[in-house]
């Protein structure tokens, strides 16, 4: 079931239809607004669209870093699992 929420991003209100909870949408808008404020404080640009795009790029960069870390951890766990299976296989022979 979809819900409609009004979210305020950098002073602009957007109506969003989503399956997510109100709390999730609040956290999401707070996160994006924090990034927008960070970009604005850096004084890189005054153009609203550029500020929001730079904030989105910062969030995307964090996501890519987390995905890379998750992939490394997954590969590490898979390797450890293969090693353990090999040791167990050898011990059972």
C-alpha atoms as a PDB file:
ATOM      1  CA  UNK A   1       0.000   0.000   0.000  1.00  0.00           C
ATOM      2  CA  UNK A   2       1.432   3.376  -1.016  1.00  0.00           C
ATOM      3  CA  UNK A   3       1.446   6.426   1.190  1.00  0.00           C
ATOM      4  CA  UNK A   4       1.849  10.039   0.159  1.00  0.00           C
ATOM      5  CA  UNK A   5       4.213  12.279   2.078  1.00  0.00           C
ATOM      6  CA  UNK A   6       5.210  15.894   1.714  1.00  0.00           C
ATOM      7  CA  UNK A   7       8.977  16.139   2.032  1.00  0.00           C
ATOM      8  CA  UNK A   8      10.906  19.372   2.251  1.00  0.00           C
ATOM      9  CA  UNK A   9      14.254  19.345   0.464  1.00  0.00           C
ATOM     10  CA  UNK A  10      16.282  22.545   0.647  1.00  0.00           C
ATOM     11  CA  UNK A  11      13.149  24.625   1.145  1.00  0.00           C
ATOM     12  CA  UNK A  12      11.143  22.975  -1.630  1.00  0.00           C
ATOM     13  CA  UNK A  13       8.219  20.717  -0.824  1.00  0.00           C
ATOM     14  CA  UNK A  14       7.784  17.547  -2.835  1.00  0.00           C
ATOM     15  CA  UNK A  15       4.923  15.088  -2.599  1.00  0.00           C
ATOM     16  CA  UNK A  16       6.263  11.555  -2.700  1.00  0.00           C
ATOM     17  CA  UNK A  17       4.238   8.362  -3.075  1.00  0.00           C
ATOM     18  CA  UNK A  18       6.043   5.401  -1.561  1.00  0.00           C
ATOM     19  CA  UNK A  19       5.691   2.180   0.385  1.00  0.00           C
ATOM     20  CA  UNK A  20       8.206   3.506   2.916  1.00  0.00           C
ATOM     21  CA  UNK A  21       7.208   4.686   6.381  1.00  0.00           C
ATOM     22  CA  UNK A  22       6.868   8.293   7.468  1.00  0.00           C
ATOM     23  CA  UNK A  23       9.906   7.823   9.727  1.00  0.00           C
ATOM     24  CA  UNK A  24      11.977   6.541   6.805  1.00  0.00           C
ATOM     25  CA  UNK A  25      10.971   9.490   4.640  1.00  0.00           C
ATOM     26  CA  UNK A  26      11.832  11.877   7.455  1.00  0.00           C
ATOM     27  CA  UNK A  27      15.286  10.300   7.839  1.00  0.00           C
ATOM     28  CA  UNK A  28      15.802  10.406   4.075  1.00  0.00           C
ATOM     29  CA  UNK A  29      14.925  14.096   3.803  1.00  0.00           C
ATOM     30  CA  UNK A  30      17.115  14.925   6.834  1.00  0.00           C
ATOM     31  CA  UNK A  31      20.047  13.137   5.234  1.00  0.00           C
ATOM     32  CA  UNK A  32      19.649  14.933   1.919  1.00  0.00           C
ATOM     33  CA  UNK A  33      19.122  18.289   3.632  1.00  0.00           C
ATOM     34  CA  UNK A  34      22.306  17.751   5.660  1.00  0.00           C
ATOM     35  CA  UNK A  35      24.233  17.122   2.433  1.00  0.00           C
ATOM     36  CA  UNK A  36      22.663  20.184   0.796  1.00  0.00           C
ATOM     37  CA  UNK A  37      23.677  22.346   3.786  1.00  0.00           C
ATOM     38  CA  UNK A  38      27.201  20.939   3.590  1.00  0.00           C
ATOM     39  CA  UNK A  39      27.477  21.875  -0.068  1.00  0.00           C
ATOM     40  CA  UNK A  40      26.043  25.323   0.617  1.00  0.00           C
ATOM     41  CA  UNK A  41      28.527  25.916   3.448  1.00  0.00           C
ATOM     42  CA  UNK A  42      31.416  25.040   1.168  1.00  0.00           C
ATOM     43  CA  UNK A  43      30.383  27.964  -1.016  1.00  0.00           C
ATOM     44  CA  UNK A  44      30.953  25.959  -4.193  1.00  0.00           C
ATOM     45  CA  UNK A  45      27.872  27.301  -5.947  1.00  0.00           C
ATOM     46  CA  UNK A  46      24.757  29.334  -5.265  1.00  0.00           C
ATOM     47  CA  UNK A  47      22.660  27.722  -7.993  1.00  0.00           C
ATOM     48  CA  UNK A  48      19.958  25.613  -6.296  1.00  0.00           C
ATOM     49  CA  UNK A  49      19.980  22.825  -8.882  1.00  0.00           C
ATOM     50  CA  UNK A  50      23.781  22.545  -8.758  1.00  0.00           C
ATOM     51  CA  UNK A  51      23.713  22.429  -4.948  1.00  0.00           C
ATOM     52  CA  UNK A  52      21.160  19.613  -4.922  1.00  0.00           C
ATOM     53  CA  UNK A  53      23.003  17.729  -7.666  1.00  0.00           C
ATOM     54  CA  UNK A  54      26.304  17.990  -5.773  1.00  0.00           C
ATOM     55  CA  UNK A  55      24.582  16.785  -2.597  1.00  0.00           C
ATOM     56  CA  UNK A  56      23.124  13.835  -4.535  1.00  0.00           C
ATOM     57  CA  UNK A  57      26.568  13.066  -5.944  1.00  0.00           C
ATOM     58  CA  UNK A  58      28.044  13.043  -2.430  1.00  0.00           C
ATOM     59  CA  UNK A  59      25.356  10.567  -1.332  1.00  0.00           C
ATOM     60  CA  UNK A  60      25.927   8.431  -4.435  1.00  0.00           C
ATOM     61  CA  UNK A  61      29.661   8.433  -3.695  1.00  0.00           C
ATOM     62  CA  UNK A  62      28.976   7.171  -0.171  1.00  0.00           C
ATOM     63  CA  UNK A  63      26.710   4.443  -1.584  1.00  0.00           C
ATOM     64  CA  UNK A  64      29.375   3.324  -4.050  1.00  0.00           C
ATOM     65  CA  UNK A  65      31.970   3.196  -1.266  1.00  0.00           C
ATOM     66  CA  UNK A  66      29.624   1.098   0.882  1.00  0.00           C
ATOM     67  CA  UNK A  67      28.849  -1.248  -2.009  1.00  0.00           C
ATOM     68  CA  UNK A  68      32.551  -1.692  -2.736  1.00  0.00           C
ATOM     69  CA  UNK A  69      33.216  -2.450   0.927  1.00  0.00           C
ATOM     70  CA  UNK A  70      30.298  -4.885   1.002  1.00  0.00           C
ATOM     71  CA  UNK A  71      31.591  -6.642  -2.136  1.00  0.00           C
ATOM     72  CA  UNK A  72      35.070  -6.973  -0.592  1.00  0.00           C
ATOM     73  CA  UNK A  73      33.587  -8.396   2.601  1.00  0.00           C
ATOM     74  CA  UNK A  74      31.444 -10.821   0.613  1.00  0.00           C
ATOM     75  CA  UNK A  75      34.448 -12.054  -1.369  1.00  0.00           C
ATOM     76  CA  UNK A  76      36.437 -12.380   1.867  1.00  0.00           C
ATOM     77  CA  UNK A  77      33.676 -14.431   3.509  1.00  0.00           C
ATOM     78  CA  UNK A  78      33.304 -16.620   0.425  1.00  0.00           C
ATOM     79  CA  UNK A  79      37.044 -17.304   0.432  1.00  0.00           C
ATOM     80  CA  UNK A  80      37.004 -18.131   4.137  1.00  0.00           C
ATOM     81  CA  UNK A  81      34.039 -20.451   3.577  1.00  0.00           C
ATOM     82  CA  UNK A  82      35.847 -22.254   0.754  1.00  0.00           C
ATOM     83  CA  UNK A  83      38.926 -22.641   2.953  1.00  0.00           C
ATOM     84  CA  UNK A  84      36.863 -24.010   5.836  1.00  0.00           C
ATOM     85  CA  UNK A  85      35.087 -26.450   3.527  1.00  0.00           C
ATOM     86  CA  UNK A  86      38.437 -27.582   2.197  1.00  0.00           C
ATOM     87  CA  UNK A  87      39.765 -28.159   5.729  1.00  0.00           C
ATOM     88  CA  UNK A  88      36.612 -30.044   6.706  1.00  0.00           C
ATOM     89  CA  UNK A  89      36.717 -32.099   3.531  1.00  0.00           C
ATOM     90  CA  UNK A  90      40.339 -33.040   4.201  1.00  0.00           C
ATOM     91  CA  UNK A  91      39.586 -33.903   7.808  1.00  0.00           C
ATOM     92  CA  UNK A  92      36.701 -36.187   6.836  1.00  0.00           C
ATOM     93  CA  UNK A  93      38.784 -38.211   4.328  1.00  0.00           C
END
